[in-house]
Every structure is written in C-alpha cells, then in structure tokens.
Protein backbone atom coordinates (compact mmCIF):
# COMPACT_ATOMS: atom_id res chain seq x y z
CA MET A 1 20.52 -3.81 14.38
CA SER A 2 19.72 -1.76 11.29
CA VAL A 3 16.92 -0.84 8.91
CA ARG A 4 16.87 -4.49 7.90
CA ARG A 5 13.81 -6.42 9.09
CA VAL A 6 11.09 -8.59 7.56
CA MET A 7 8.91 -6.28 5.47
CA GLY A 8 6.73 -6.19 2.38
CA ILE A 9 4.36 -4.06 0.30
CA GLU A 10 0.88 -4.94 -0.94
CA THR A 11 -0.86 -2.82 -3.57
CA GLU A 12 -4.42 -2.71 -4.83
CA LEU A 13 -4.45 -1.49 -8.43
CA GLY A 14 -6.94 0.87 -10.01
CA ILE A 15 -8.74 -0.75 -12.93
CA THR A 16 -10.80 0.46 -15.92
CA SER A 17 -12.09 -1.12 -19.13
CA THR A 18 -14.46 -0.51 -22.02
CA GLN A 19 -15.68 -4.11 -21.90
CA VAL A 20 -19.41 -4.75 -21.62
CA ASP A 21 -21.54 -7.82 -20.96
CA ARG A 22 -24.13 -9.30 -23.35
CA GLN A 23 -26.68 -6.71 -22.25
CA GLY A 24 -24.28 -3.90 -23.00
CA HIS A 25 -23.57 -3.10 -19.34
CA PRO A 26 -20.00 -2.32 -18.26
CA LEU A 27 -18.28 -5.24 -16.52
CA THR A 28 -18.00 -4.83 -12.77
CA PRO A 29 -14.57 -4.16 -11.24
CA MET A 30 -14.79 -7.55 -9.52
CA LEU A 31 -15.17 -9.37 -12.84
CA LEU A 32 -12.47 -7.27 -14.48
CA SER A 33 -10.08 -7.89 -11.59
CA GLY A 34 -10.72 -11.60 -11.82
CA GLN A 35 -9.85 -11.47 -15.52
CA VAL A 36 -6.53 -9.83 -14.67
CA VAL A 37 -5.53 -12.39 -12.03
CA ARG A 38 -6.51 -15.36 -14.18
CA ALA A 39 -4.77 -13.80 -17.19
CA TYR A 40 -1.48 -13.66 -15.35
CA ALA A 41 -1.78 -17.25 -14.14
CA ASP A 42 -2.52 -18.35 -17.72
CA ALA A 43 0.28 -16.27 -19.24
CA ALA A 44 2.86 -17.28 -16.64
CA GLY A 45 1.95 -20.95 -16.89
CA PRO A 46 2.63 -23.93 -14.60
CA GLY A 47 5.63 -23.48 -12.39
CA ALA A 48 5.23 -19.69 -12.26
CA ALA A 49 1.75 -19.40 -10.70
CA LEU A 50 -0.66 -21.78 -9.01
CA ALA A 51 -3.69 -22.83 -11.02
CA GLN A 52 -7.12 -21.44 -10.15
CA SER A 53 -7.97 -24.78 -8.55
CA SER A 54 -5.54 -23.93 -5.74
CA GLY A 55 -6.45 -21.50 -3.01
CA TRP A 56 -5.35 -19.45 -0.04
CA ASP A 57 -4.96 -21.02 3.39
CA TYR A 58 -6.98 -18.89 5.81
CA ALA A 59 -6.43 -21.09 8.88
CA ASP A 60 -4.19 -18.68 10.80
CA GLU A 61 -5.77 -15.38 9.75
CA THR A 62 -7.15 -13.15 12.51
CA PRO A 63 -8.37 -9.92 10.83
CA LEU A 64 -10.61 -8.90 13.75
CA ARG A 65 -7.99 -9.25 16.48
CA ASP A 66 -6.99 -5.83 17.78
CA ALA A 67 -3.51 -4.98 19.02
CA ARG A 68 -5.09 -3.11 21.91
CA GLY A 69 -6.01 -6.42 23.50
CA TYR A 70 -9.43 -7.49 22.25
CA GLU A 71 -11.17 -8.97 19.21
CA MET A 72 -14.06 -7.37 17.33
CA ALA A 73 -17.24 -9.44 17.18
CA ARG A 74 -17.85 -10.71 13.65
CA GLU A 75 -21.40 -9.43 13.64
CA LEU A 76 -20.08 -5.91 14.21
CA ALA A 77 -17.45 -6.02 11.49
CA HIS A 78 -17.89 -4.56 8.04
CA ARG A 79 -17.74 -7.27 5.40
CA SER A 80 -14.57 -5.72 3.98
CA GLN A 81 -12.82 -6.67 7.23
CA LEU A 82 -13.66 -10.38 6.92
CA THR A 83 -10.58 -11.30 4.95
CA ASP A 84 -10.36 -14.76 6.51
CA VAL A 85 -13.32 -16.24 4.60
CA GLU A 86 -12.85 -18.32 1.46
CA ASP A 87 -14.78 -16.96 -1.51
CA PRO A 88 -14.67 -19.38 -4.45
CA THR A 89 -15.77 -16.64 -6.84
CA ILE A 90 -12.65 -14.54 -6.15
CA ALA A 91 -9.59 -15.20 -8.28
CA ASN A 92 -6.42 -16.02 -6.38
CA THR A 93 -2.99 -17.32 -7.22
CA VAL A 94 0.40 -17.68 -5.53
CA LEU A 95 3.47 -16.99 -7.62
CA SER A 96 6.86 -18.65 -7.86
CA ASN A 97 8.44 -15.51 -6.42
CA GLY A 98 6.45 -16.12 -3.21
CA ALA A 99 3.93 -13.32 -3.84
CA ARG A 100 0.14 -13.47 -3.82
CA PHE A 101 -1.90 -12.04 -6.74
CA TYR A 102 -5.62 -11.95 -6.12
CA VAL A 103 -8.84 -9.91 -6.10
CA ASP A 104 -9.32 -7.77 -3.03
CA HIS A 105 -12.18 -5.27 -2.65
CA ALA A 106 -12.82 -5.34 -6.41
CA HIS A 107 -9.21 -4.56 -7.26
CA PRO A 108 -6.35 -6.76 -8.42
CA GLU A 109 -3.88 -6.84 -5.56
CA TYR A 110 -0.23 -7.81 -5.72
CA SER A 111 1.10 -8.72 -2.28
CA ALA A 112 4.87 -8.92 -2.53
CA PRO A 113 6.82 -11.70 -0.77
CA GLU A 114 8.56 -11.10 2.53
CA THR A 115 11.93 -9.39 2.14
CA THR A 116 14.54 -8.29 4.66
CA SER A 117 15.75 -4.94 3.32
CA PRO A 118 14.21 -1.74 1.96
CA LEU A 119 15.99 -2.15 -1.39
CA ALA A 120 14.68 -5.70 -1.77
CA ALA A 121 11.18 -4.39 -0.97
CA VAL A 122 11.59 -1.90 -3.83
CA ARG A 123 12.68 -4.66 -6.18
CA TYR A 124 9.73 -6.95 -5.44
CA ASP A 125 7.31 -4.03 -5.53
CA ARG A 126 8.54 -3.25 -9.05
CA ALA A 127 8.11 -6.93 -9.93
CA GLY A 128 4.42 -6.49 -9.14
CA GLU A 129 4.20 -3.85 -11.85
CA LEU A 130 5.61 -6.31 -14.37
CA VAL A 131 3.17 -9.01 -13.21
CA ALA A 132 0.29 -6.60 -13.81
CA ARG A 133 1.62 -5.57 -17.23
CA THR A 134 1.96 -9.20 -18.26
CA ALA A 135 -1.68 -9.78 -17.35
CA ILE A 136 -3.04 -6.85 -19.36
CA GLU A 137 -0.84 -7.74 -22.34
CA HIS A 138 -2.23 -11.29 -22.24
CA LEU A 139 -5.77 -9.92 -22.17
CA ALA A 140 -5.01 -7.51 -25.00
CA ALA A 141 -3.82 -10.39 -27.16
CA GLN A 142 -7.29 -11.90 -26.69
CA GLY A 143 -9.01 -8.65 -27.62
CA GLN A 144 -9.88 -7.67 -24.03
CA GLU A 145 -8.92 -4.14 -23.11
CA VAL A 146 -8.08 -3.46 -19.44
CA ARG A 147 -6.04 -0.66 -17.94
CA LEU A 148 -4.32 -0.84 -14.58
CA TYR A 149 -3.12 2.08 -12.48
CA LYS A 150 -0.68 1.97 -9.59
CA ASN A 151 -2.35 4.70 -7.59
CA ASN A 152 -4.72 5.12 -4.64
CA VAL A 153 -7.57 7.37 -5.78
CA ASP A 154 -9.93 7.56 -8.75
CA GLY A 155 -10.49 11.31 -8.44
CA LYS A 156 -14.19 10.80 -7.71
CA GLY A 157 -14.12 9.94 -4.03
CA ALA A 158 -12.91 6.31 -3.97
CA SER A 159 -9.58 5.29 -2.46
CA TYR A 160 -7.82 1.92 -2.44
CA GLY A 161 -4.81 0.87 -0.48
CA THR A 162 -1.11 0.40 -0.63
CA HIS A 163 -0.29 -1.33 2.64
CA GLU A 164 3.13 -1.90 4.14
CA ASN A 165 4.02 -4.60 6.63
CA TYR A 166 6.86 -4.61 9.15
CA LEU A 167 7.68 -7.31 11.68
CA VAL A 168 8.39 -5.88 15.14
CA PRO A 169 9.01 -7.62 18.46
CA ARG A 170 5.90 -8.42 20.48
CA THR A 171 7.75 -7.06 23.54
CA VAL A 172 7.41 -3.50 22.25
CA PRO A 173 4.16 -2.11 23.71
CA PHE A 174 1.69 -1.21 20.99
CA GLU A 175 0.85 2.11 22.66
CA ARG A 176 4.51 3.10 22.45
CA LEU A 177 4.54 2.24 18.75
CA ALA A 178 1.38 4.18 18.03
CA ASN A 179 2.43 7.32 19.91
CA ALA A 180 5.80 7.34 18.20
CA LEU A 181 4.46 6.71 14.72
CA ILE A 182 1.55 9.15 14.41
CA PRO A 183 3.65 12.33 13.92
CA PHE A 184 6.07 10.51 11.63
CA LEU A 185 3.39 9.00 9.43
CA ILE A 186 1.55 12.26 8.90
CA ALA A 187 4.87 13.92 7.86
CA ARG A 188 6.29 11.07 5.75
CA PRO A 189 4.53 12.15 2.50
CA VAL A 190 7.01 15.04 2.36
CA ILE A 191 9.64 12.49 1.29
CA ALA A 192 7.40 9.60 0.20
CA GLY A 193 4.21 11.00 -1.34
CA ALA A 194 3.12 10.21 -4.87
CA GLY A 195 1.29 13.51 -5.36
CA ARG A 196 -2.33 14.08 -6.24
CA VAL A 197 -4.40 16.61 -8.17
CA GLY A 198 -7.44 17.73 -6.15
CA LEU A 199 -8.15 18.51 -2.50
CA GLY A 200 -10.79 16.60 -0.57
CA GLN A 201 -11.94 13.03 -0.93
CA ALA A 202 -13.89 13.76 -4.12
CA SER A 203 -11.48 16.50 -5.29
CA GLU A 204 -14.04 19.12 -4.25
CA ARG A 205 -11.38 21.85 -4.40
CA ALA A 206 -8.75 22.57 -6.98
CA GLY A 207 -5.12 22.17 -6.05
CA PHE A 208 -2.18 19.80 -5.75
CA GLN A 209 -1.13 17.85 -2.67
CA LEU A 210 1.70 15.55 -1.62
CA SER A 211 -0.26 12.45 -0.61
CA GLN A 212 -2.86 10.28 -2.28
CA ARG A 213 -4.20 9.04 1.07
CA ALA A 214 -4.15 12.01 3.47
CA ASP A 215 -7.70 13.18 2.72
CA TYR A 216 -9.06 9.70 3.49
CA LEU A 217 -7.69 9.51 7.05
CA GLU A 218 -10.45 9.89 9.60
CA ALA A 219 -9.10 8.50 12.88
CA GLU A 220 -5.87 8.36 14.84
CA ILE A 221 -5.95 4.66 15.74
CA GLY A 222 -8.32 1.89 14.65
CA LEU A 223 -8.91 -1.56 13.22
CA GLU A 224 -10.63 -0.59 9.97
CA THR A 225 -8.89 -0.23 6.62
CA THR A 226 -11.74 0.87 4.33
CA LEU A 227 -13.99 2.80 6.75
CA ARG A 228 -12.84 5.42 9.25
CA ARG A 229 -9.30 4.82 8.04
CA PRO A 230 -6.84 5.41 10.90
CA ILE A 231 -3.30 6.75 10.85
CA VAL A 232 -2.20 3.70 12.86
CA ASN A 233 -3.96 0.42 12.10
CA THR A 234 -4.44 -2.00 15.00
CA ARG A 235 -4.98 -5.30 13.16
CA ASP A 236 -3.12 -7.96 15.18
CA GLU A 237 -2.48 -10.58 12.54
CA PRO A 238 1.25 -11.32 12.66
CA HIS A 239 1.42 -14.12 10.05
CA ALA A 240 4.21 -15.39 12.32
CA SER A 241 4.72 -16.77 15.82
CA PRO A 242 2.26 -14.53 17.71
CA HIS A 243 4.08 -14.67 21.05
CA VAL A 244 7.28 -13.43 19.39
CA HIS A 245 6.23 -11.09 16.61
CA ARG A 246 3.84 -8.29 15.87
CA ARG A 247 3.11 -7.24 12.28
CA LEU A 248 2.71 -3.50 11.93
CA HIS A 249 0.14 -3.04 9.17
CA VAL A 250 0.57 0.45 7.71
CA ILE A 251 -2.32 1.66 5.54
CA VAL A 252 -1.54 5.38 5.08
CA GLY A 253 1.15 5.14 2.39
CA ASP A 254 1.00 5.86 -1.32
CA ALA A 255 1.61 3.55 -4.25
CA THR A 256 4.83 4.90 -5.68
CA MET A 257 6.54 4.58 -9.07
CA ALA A 258 9.84 6.27 -8.19
CA ASP A 259 12.47 3.92 -6.76
CA VAL A 260 13.98 6.45 -4.34
CA THR A 261 10.55 7.42 -3.02
CA THR A 262 9.66 3.79 -2.33
CA LEU A 263 13.02 3.23 -0.65
CA LEU A 264 12.50 6.29 1.55
CA ALA A 265 8.98 5.22 2.47
CA VAL A 266 9.91 1.78 3.78
CA GLY A 267 13.47 2.54 4.85
CA SER A 268 12.64 5.60 6.96
CA LEU A 269 9.78 3.85 8.72
CA SER A 270 11.92 0.79 9.44
CA ALA A 271 14.55 3.11 10.94
CA VAL A 272 11.96 4.81 13.14
CA LEU A 273 10.74 1.41 14.32
CA ARG A 274 14.31 0.44 15.21
CA LEU A 275 14.65 3.62 17.24
CA VAL A 276 11.41 2.84 19.08
CA GLU A 277 12.64 -0.71 19.76
CA THR A 278 16.16 0.12 20.91
CA HIS A 279 16.17 3.76 22.09
CA PRO A 280 12.65 4.59 23.33
CA ALA A 281 13.97 7.55 25.32
CA ALA A 282 15.43 9.06 22.12
CA VAL A 283 12.13 8.97 20.22
CA PRO A 284 11.01 12.58 19.77
CA ASP A 285 8.02 13.64 21.86
CA LEU A 286 5.78 15.32 19.29
CA PRO A 287 2.15 15.02 20.38
CA LEU A 288 0.01 16.69 17.75
CA ARG A 289 -3.05 18.65 18.79
CA TYR A 290 -5.09 17.51 15.78
CA PRO A 291 -3.32 14.57 14.07
CA VAL A 292 -5.89 13.85 11.36
CA ALA A 293 -6.19 17.49 10.37
CA ALA A 294 -2.39 17.80 10.52
CA ALA A 295 -2.02 15.06 7.89
CA GLN A 296 -4.13 17.12 5.53
CA VAL A 297 -2.43 20.43 6.34
CA ILE A 298 0.98 18.98 5.47
CA SER A 299 -0.27 17.17 2.37
CA HIS A 300 -2.08 20.23 1.00
CA ASP A 301 1.04 22.43 1.00
CA PRO A 302 3.64 21.70 -1.73
CA THR A 303 5.64 24.71 -0.53
CA LEU A 304 6.41 22.67 2.64
CA ARG A 305 5.97 25.80 4.79
CA ALA A 306 2.67 24.96 6.49
CA THR A 307 2.92 24.21 10.20
CA VAL A 308 0.93 21.94 12.47
CA GLU A 309 0.33 22.57 16.16
CA LEU A 310 1.66 20.40 18.97
CA LEU A 311 0.02 20.09 22.37
CA ASP A 312 2.87 22.07 23.92
CA GLY A 313 2.16 25.01 21.62
CA ARG A 314 4.99 24.50 19.15
CA ALA A 315 4.24 24.82 15.43
CA LEU A 316 6.34 22.59 13.16
CA THR A 317 6.46 21.89 9.45
CA GLY A 318 6.51 18.39 7.98
CA LEU A 319 10.23 18.89 7.33
CA ASP A 320 10.73 19.76 11.00
CA LEU A 321 8.92 16.63 12.14
CA LEU A 322 11.02 14.39 9.88
CA GLU A 323 14.20 16.12 11.02
CA ALA A 324 13.25 15.42 14.64
CA TYR A 325 13.18 11.70 13.87
CA LEU A 326 16.22 11.57 11.62
CA GLU A 327 18.64 13.25 14.04
CA PRO A 328 18.47 10.65 16.86
CA ILE A 329 18.48 7.84 14.31
CA GLU A 330 21.67 9.21 12.73
CA SER A 331 23.25 9.57 16.15
CA ALA A 332 22.40 6.00 17.18
CA ALA A 333 23.52 4.50 13.87
CA VAL A 334 26.82 6.36 13.69
CA ALA A 335 27.65 5.59 17.32
CA GLY A 336 26.72 1.94 16.97
CA ASP A 337 24.59 2.21 20.10
CA SER A 338 22.76 -0.83 21.47
CA GLY A 339 23.75 -3.05 18.59
CA TRP A 340 22.97 -0.54 15.82
CA GLU A 341 25.00 -1.41 12.79
CA LEU A 342 25.68 1.07 10.01
CA ASP A 343 25.44 -1.65 7.34
CA GLU A 344 25.04 -0.95 3.64
CA ASP A 345 21.24 -0.87 3.78
CA THR A 346 21.16 1.49 6.75
CA ARG A 347 23.80 3.74 5.22
CA GLN A 348 21.84 3.92 1.95
CA VAL A 349 18.54 4.83 3.64
CA LEU A 350 19.98 7.40 6.05
CA THR A 351 22.15 9.04 3.39
CA ARG A 352 19.17 9.35 1.05
CA TRP A 353 16.90 10.60 3.82
CA ARG A 354 19.39 13.27 4.87
CA THR A 355 20.19 14.35 1.31
CA VAL A 356 16.55 14.60 0.27
CA LEU A 357 15.45 16.37 3.45
CA ASP A 358 18.16 19.00 3.10
CA ALA A 359 17.43 19.47 -0.61
CA LEU A 360 13.70 19.89 0.02
CA ARG A 361 14.46 22.67 2.50
CA GLU A 362 16.58 24.51 -0.07
CA ASP A 363 14.67 23.86 -3.29
CA PRO A 364 12.03 21.12 -3.63
CA SER A 365 12.37 21.12 -7.43
CA SER A 366 15.92 19.78 -7.07
CA CYS A 367 14.44 16.47 -5.92
CA ALA A 368 12.38 15.83 -9.06
CA ASP A 369 14.41 12.75 -9.96
CA GLN A 370 13.93 11.20 -6.51
CA VAL A 371 10.71 12.34 -4.79
CA GLU A 372 7.61 11.35 -6.74
CA TRP A 373 5.27 14.17 -5.79
CA VAL A 374 7.94 16.68 -6.85
CA ALA A 375 8.41 14.91 -10.19
CA LYS A 376 4.66 14.77 -10.85
CA LYS A 377 4.10 18.39 -9.92
CA ALA A 378 6.99 19.55 -12.11
CA LEU A 379 5.55 17.73 -15.11
CA LEU A 380 2.06 19.06 -14.53
CA ASP A 381 3.32 22.58 -13.90
CA ARG A 382 5.09 22.56 -17.28
CA PHE A 383 1.88 21.51 -18.99
CA ARG A 384 -0.20 24.06 -17.08
CA GLU A 385 2.17 26.84 -18.06
CA ARG A 386 2.08 25.89 -21.75
CA ALA A 387 -1.68 25.35 -21.83
CA GLY A 388 -2.69 28.11 -19.45
CA ALA A 389 -4.51 25.48 -17.40
CA GLY A 390 -5.48 25.48 -13.73
CA TRP A 391 -5.54 22.55 -11.33
CA ALA A 392 -9.25 22.02 -12.04
CA ASP A 393 -8.64 21.58 -15.78
CA PRO A 394 -9.84 18.11 -16.87
CA ARG A 395 -6.64 17.65 -18.88
CA VAL A 396 -4.54 18.11 -15.77
CA GLN A 397 -6.76 15.71 -13.83
CA ALA A 398 -6.41 13.15 -16.64
CA MET A 399 -2.62 13.50 -16.60
CA ASP A 400 -2.67 12.87 -12.86
CA ILE A 401 -4.29 9.48 -13.47
CA GLN A 402 -2.09 8.81 -16.51
CA TRP A 403 0.99 9.24 -14.36
CA HIS A 404 0.16 5.90 -12.72
CA ASP A 405 -0.81 3.94 -15.87
CA LEU A 406 1.15 0.67 -15.94
CA ASP A 407 1.16 0.63 -19.75
CA PRO A 408 4.75 1.72 -20.54
CA GLN A 409 3.57 3.54 -23.66
CA ARG A 410 0.98 5.61 -21.79
CA GLY A 411 2.16 5.86 -18.19
CA LEU A 412 3.87 9.18 -17.56
CA ALA A 413 5.95 7.91 -14.65
CA GLN A 414 6.99 4.89 -16.72
CA ARG A 415 8.11 7.17 -19.53
CA LEU A 416 10.10 9.42 -17.18
CA ARG A 417 11.69 6.35 -15.67
CA ALA A 418 12.66 5.02 -19.11
CA ALA A 419 14.09 8.42 -20.04
CA GLY A 420 16.30 8.46 -16.94
CA GLN A 421 14.42 11.34 -15.32
CA LEU A 422 13.43 9.20 -12.32
CA GLU A 423 16.47 7.67 -10.70
CA ARG A 424 16.59 3.88 -10.83
CA LEU A 425 17.78 1.78 -7.91
CA VAL A 426 16.93 -1.61 -9.43
CA THR A 427 17.65 -2.73 -12.97
CA ASP A 428 15.25 -4.23 -15.49
CA GLU A 429 17.14 -7.51 -15.15
CA GLU A 430 16.72 -7.52 -11.37
CA ILE A 431 13.01 -6.81 -11.71
CA THR A 432 12.49 -9.53 -14.32
CA SER A 433 14.28 -12.00 -12.07
CA ALA A 434 12.12 -10.96 -9.10
CA VAL A 435 8.95 -11.82 -11.04
CA THR A 436 9.84 -15.52 -10.94
CA ASP A 437 12.54 -15.95 -8.28
CA PRO A 438 11.67 -15.59 -4.60
CA PRO A 439 13.79 -13.79 -1.99
CA GLU A 440 16.42 -16.23 -0.77
CA ASP A 441 16.53 -15.15 2.88
CA THR A 442 12.91 -15.61 4.01
CA ARG A 443 10.33 -18.40 3.98
CA ALA A 444 9.12 -16.94 0.67
CA TRP A 445 11.86 -19.03 -0.91
CA PHE A 446 10.23 -22.30 0.18
CA ARG A 447 6.74 -21.09 -0.75
CA GLY A 448 7.88 -19.97 -4.18
CA GLU A 449 9.90 -23.10 -4.83
CA CYS A 450 6.92 -25.27 -3.94
CA VAL A 451 4.91 -23.41 -6.60
CA ARG A 452 7.72 -23.83 -9.13
CA ARG A 453 8.62 -27.46 -8.39
CA TYR A 454 5.36 -29.08 -7.25
CA GLY A 455 2.65 -27.00 -8.94
CA ILE A 456 -0.57 -29.01 -9.05
CA ASP A 457 0.20 -30.73 -5.74
CA VAL A 458 0.27 -27.40 -3.92
CA LYS A 459 -3.37 -27.02 -2.94
CA ALA A 460 -3.10 -23.79 -0.96
CA ALA A 461 -0.63 -21.46 0.67
CA SER A 462 -0.50 -18.52 3.02
CA TRP A 463 2.24 -16.38 4.47
CA ASP A 464 2.91 -18.94 7.19
CA SER A 465 1.90 -22.25 5.59
CA VAL A 466 1.93 -24.38 2.47
CA VAL A 467 -0.73 -27.07 1.94
CA LEU A 468 0.47 -30.13 0.01
CA THR A 469 -1.02 -33.50 -0.99
CA ASP A 470 0.34 -36.73 0.48
CA GLU A 471 0.43 -40.28 -0.92
CA ARG A 472 -3.28 -40.80 -0.23
CA GLY A 473 -4.33 -37.48 -1.74
CA ARG A 474 -4.92 -36.01 1.71
CA LEU A 475 -4.12 -32.38 2.39
CA ARG A 476 -1.23 -31.72 4.72
CA ARG A 477 -0.30 -28.30 6.10
CA VAL A 478 3.38 -27.42 6.50
CA GLN A 479 3.62 -24.62 9.05
CA LEU A 480 6.15 -21.83 8.53
CA PRO A 481 5.72 -19.62 11.61
CA GLU A 482 9.13 -17.95 11.45
CA PRO A 483 9.64 -15.64 8.44
CA THR A 484 13.41 -16.07 8.41
CA THR A 485 13.28 -19.87 8.28
CA ALA A 486 12.79 -22.11 5.24
CA THR A 487 15.28 -19.93 3.40
CA ARG A 488 17.29 -21.10 0.42
CA ALA A 489 20.34 -21.77 2.57
CA GLN A 490 18.26 -23.85 4.97
CA VAL A 491 16.04 -25.95 2.68
CA GLU A 492 17.49 -26.01 -0.83
CA ASP A 493 19.15 -29.38 -0.25
CA LEU A 494 15.84 -30.70 1.10
CA VAL A 495 13.73 -29.72 -1.90
CA ASN A 496 16.47 -30.84 -4.30
CA ARG A 497 16.12 -34.35 -2.90
CA HIS A 498 12.40 -34.56 -3.73
CA THR A 499 10.67 -34.35 -7.09
CA GLY A 500 7.23 -34.65 -5.55
CA THR A 501 5.26 -33.71 -2.45
CA VAL A 502 4.82 -37.28 -1.24
CA SER A 503 8.51 -37.83 -0.56
CA LEU A 504 8.94 -34.23 0.60
CA LEU A 505 6.26 -34.69 3.26
CA GLY A 506 8.16 -37.73 4.48
CA GLU A 507 10.84 -35.37 5.80
CA LEU A 508 8.62 -32.49 6.93
CA ALA A 509 6.41 -32.09 9.93
CA SER A 510 2.84 -31.45 8.79
CA ASP A 511 -0.71 -31.33 10.09
CA ASP A 512 -3.99 -32.59 8.70
CA VAL A 513 -6.09 -29.96 6.97
C-alpha cells in the first residue's frame, strides 16, 4: 500500500465580466458560467466534449445520505445540496479526458477525472486550467469578455469550493476517519495553502493568512458544503460500489496554482488516510479543544509560531501537528509495515513533505518556489515595500485576486510559473495531453473514449455510468461501479472492435434508462 489510491479534484472558478443584457444590467454569474461551459464545448468540438443535448446521469447520486448512518429529509435540505436533480437550464458537458465541466452554484466547475496517484491528480487539475482558458479565449474571439479565477474567495464575503475526493474502504469506521483527520486538515494549509489577503469572511480586518477557506469553516463535522461548512464533510455518495467503498469528500482545501503545493495537498492527505487504514494505533491522538477556531489561528499566522490548544493541555503549532502525522507515516513506509510500499509516488510525496516541513521551520521564505502562500506573500511583500502599502491597500487586494487569474498575460501565479519561479512537476506537453486524453488506469478511460469515439450517441454519463443509445434509439445504461475497471488495458480491444454504440452494447451488460 502507498499514497496511491483513486482520487480527484473538483474546482469551482471565480468569474467576472463587463457584459450586460439589453437593459444594461450585468449578466448574472449563472448566465456567464453557462457561456463558459458552452464555449469550451463549441471550441473543443465533437469528439472532445459532449454536445449540450447530452446530460449528466443522476441515477446513483445520493447527496443527502450521511456517513453517520442516516439520510437528510429533502424538505430540510438547502437547495444547494440537491445536486441530484436535472436542471435543463444549467450547462453541462463531459470531456474526452473523462472530466465533467458544468455550472455549479453559479460558477463554472471543472471536475477532474479519477486518477490513481497524487502526481496524476496534479496533471489533470492543471488540465482544467487549460480547459477554462480555452473557453475564455473562444468567448474573446466572439467579442465576449469573461475572466476566470482559480481561487476560493471574492474578498467580499463569498467563498466557493475546491473539493478533493479520495476512495477509502467502507470497513474503516467513519468516526475513526473524522477524529484522525480534523487536526490534520486544520494544519494542512501550512504546506498546502494558497494564501489570502484579508482576515474574516468579508476581509473585515487587514492582514495575510495561509488559507483561502479557513475563515469559512463553521462546524467540525457535517453534511453541508455551502452553509455551516464543516472541517469533515459527511456526504456518503461513493460513486462506486457502496458496500465496498466510501468516498471522502474534502471541502476545506484551497485551489492551488503551484504544482508542489497541489501535490502536497493530495499526497499528504492520502498518506494520512493510509495510516488510518493500516496503522490505526499509530495515528497521533491530537484532540483539539476548539477545532474551528484552531483552523483560523493557524491560518492567520504566516510566522507559523501560533499555537492551538489540545484537550490534554498541550499547545502545538501547525508545523508540530503536521510533524506528528509525518513521523509515523515515514516509519511505516520505510519499514514496509502491513503492506506499505515505498513506491515512486510515495517516495516523492514523503520526501517533499519532509523537505518542505523542515524548510518552513528554518525559513519559510526558502519555500517560495514550492509553497503557494509563501510565494504569494513574498510577491505582495515586495510590492508593499516599494509602494509603502499596507494589507488593506486596494492595490494589494487587487493583486491577491490577480494572482489567481487564468489569463496567462495577467495571472501573477501563471507568470511566476512561466518564469520558473514556481517549480513545475508536470510539463506543458503533459498538460495539453491531459486535456483530451483520459487517465489509462481508471474507468475514466472508458468514459472519455466513449465521448471521443461515439459522441452524439452518448446521451449522458456520470462517474459510475455511461448512457448510450441502442439499435432502436432506446437509452441503455452501462454501469461502472468499480473505479479501477474499464481501464485502457481492460477495454481498449473491446472499443476498438466497435465503431458505434449499437454493436458495442451487444457485448456489454446494460440496463434500461
């Protein structure tokens, strides 16, 4: 066992535009987001993205099922939680790389395909940036100006999510997962934060903090994602065989532009999950007295010296908390205990985690090419020194937003990346390939190949199904309950034998829709 597991990242993008309607009113974010999704489908063309006439298959979605053993009544749920309802007014497409690009909560959202390693997750996350850029370039060619930002706050009180997903065994008790993860997740921004100007949900106070999301956490554990946001989300929607798998839906992370930061975010959490799964006795016992407040204490202190109180009276820094997790993981991985394998992916994550953690203790500025919040703060500090500006200066606040601009000519992170000041782990060629080519070792390969090969005859898809038309024009659902099946090695010969869905369905088990 290693840091390898089925995982993926989904990101809602910030959006602005100067467009107005016929009455001179600004277009709503919902309309603008729909423009973006449709623009990509048009620009990519048949074979790269499903047409607007196709949809999402909601049959197996269970957004109100709670991992604590019950299901919320629909009449009690906020409408933002009802993600299993078809809305024909919302733009949606599925891409040939196996991803979903759609409108979610008035934002364009790129949901990357399932991957099996942290580095692959980085690659397909970066592909989402290129998808978004293609869309806005297509709109610009038509005279429609739209800007997209890979961030999580607008600086005025609104926050939107970057969610991570990790497949874990159903046999691991959810309570064990939650107790183990809360201290880790509140400390993780030390190595995986994107940085943010302003303290408080509406930036009520001047300052700089590590995390874009910390000020929006309001509960320890819960089902919601847009209200009373919890540190640990309890949605029990595995998108896989429910008796075998649980999908951990993590909503506290930041959208990140630095490759190493993204790798550390997903790789460290996957390693912690593996420790919980295989060495529960080795998981550090770190019960925080005030977890929600602790998230904000750690995030609000770029010096990394602030401490948070544990129930046993200890006071630890975010660095201390991360160290407490890393040490037993290193021990288990090096020893090869209980099937742990120090493979290339695990070695890469643990080496980076150790190197960055030690460097942050000595001199945080030395990590400016790897840790995003450090890089952002260093850039803003240089400007503030030259301009004599404080953290409340509107120019500094504007630069904070500009950091995340996906326009390569305007985005500050993009420009640092191009200049070699943010270390790259994936090449431009690998990212370009990931825009169109699905991961080969998950069911995303079959989903993406169906989009590429069968196009108009793919009527809908989801993470665990593809809906195709048969010889009578009827809709047939092909179920894909296991994420590591329908891989290239398993089904390439099958799809190569069939140029259309009619003959393909002759060899596949399918259900009526």
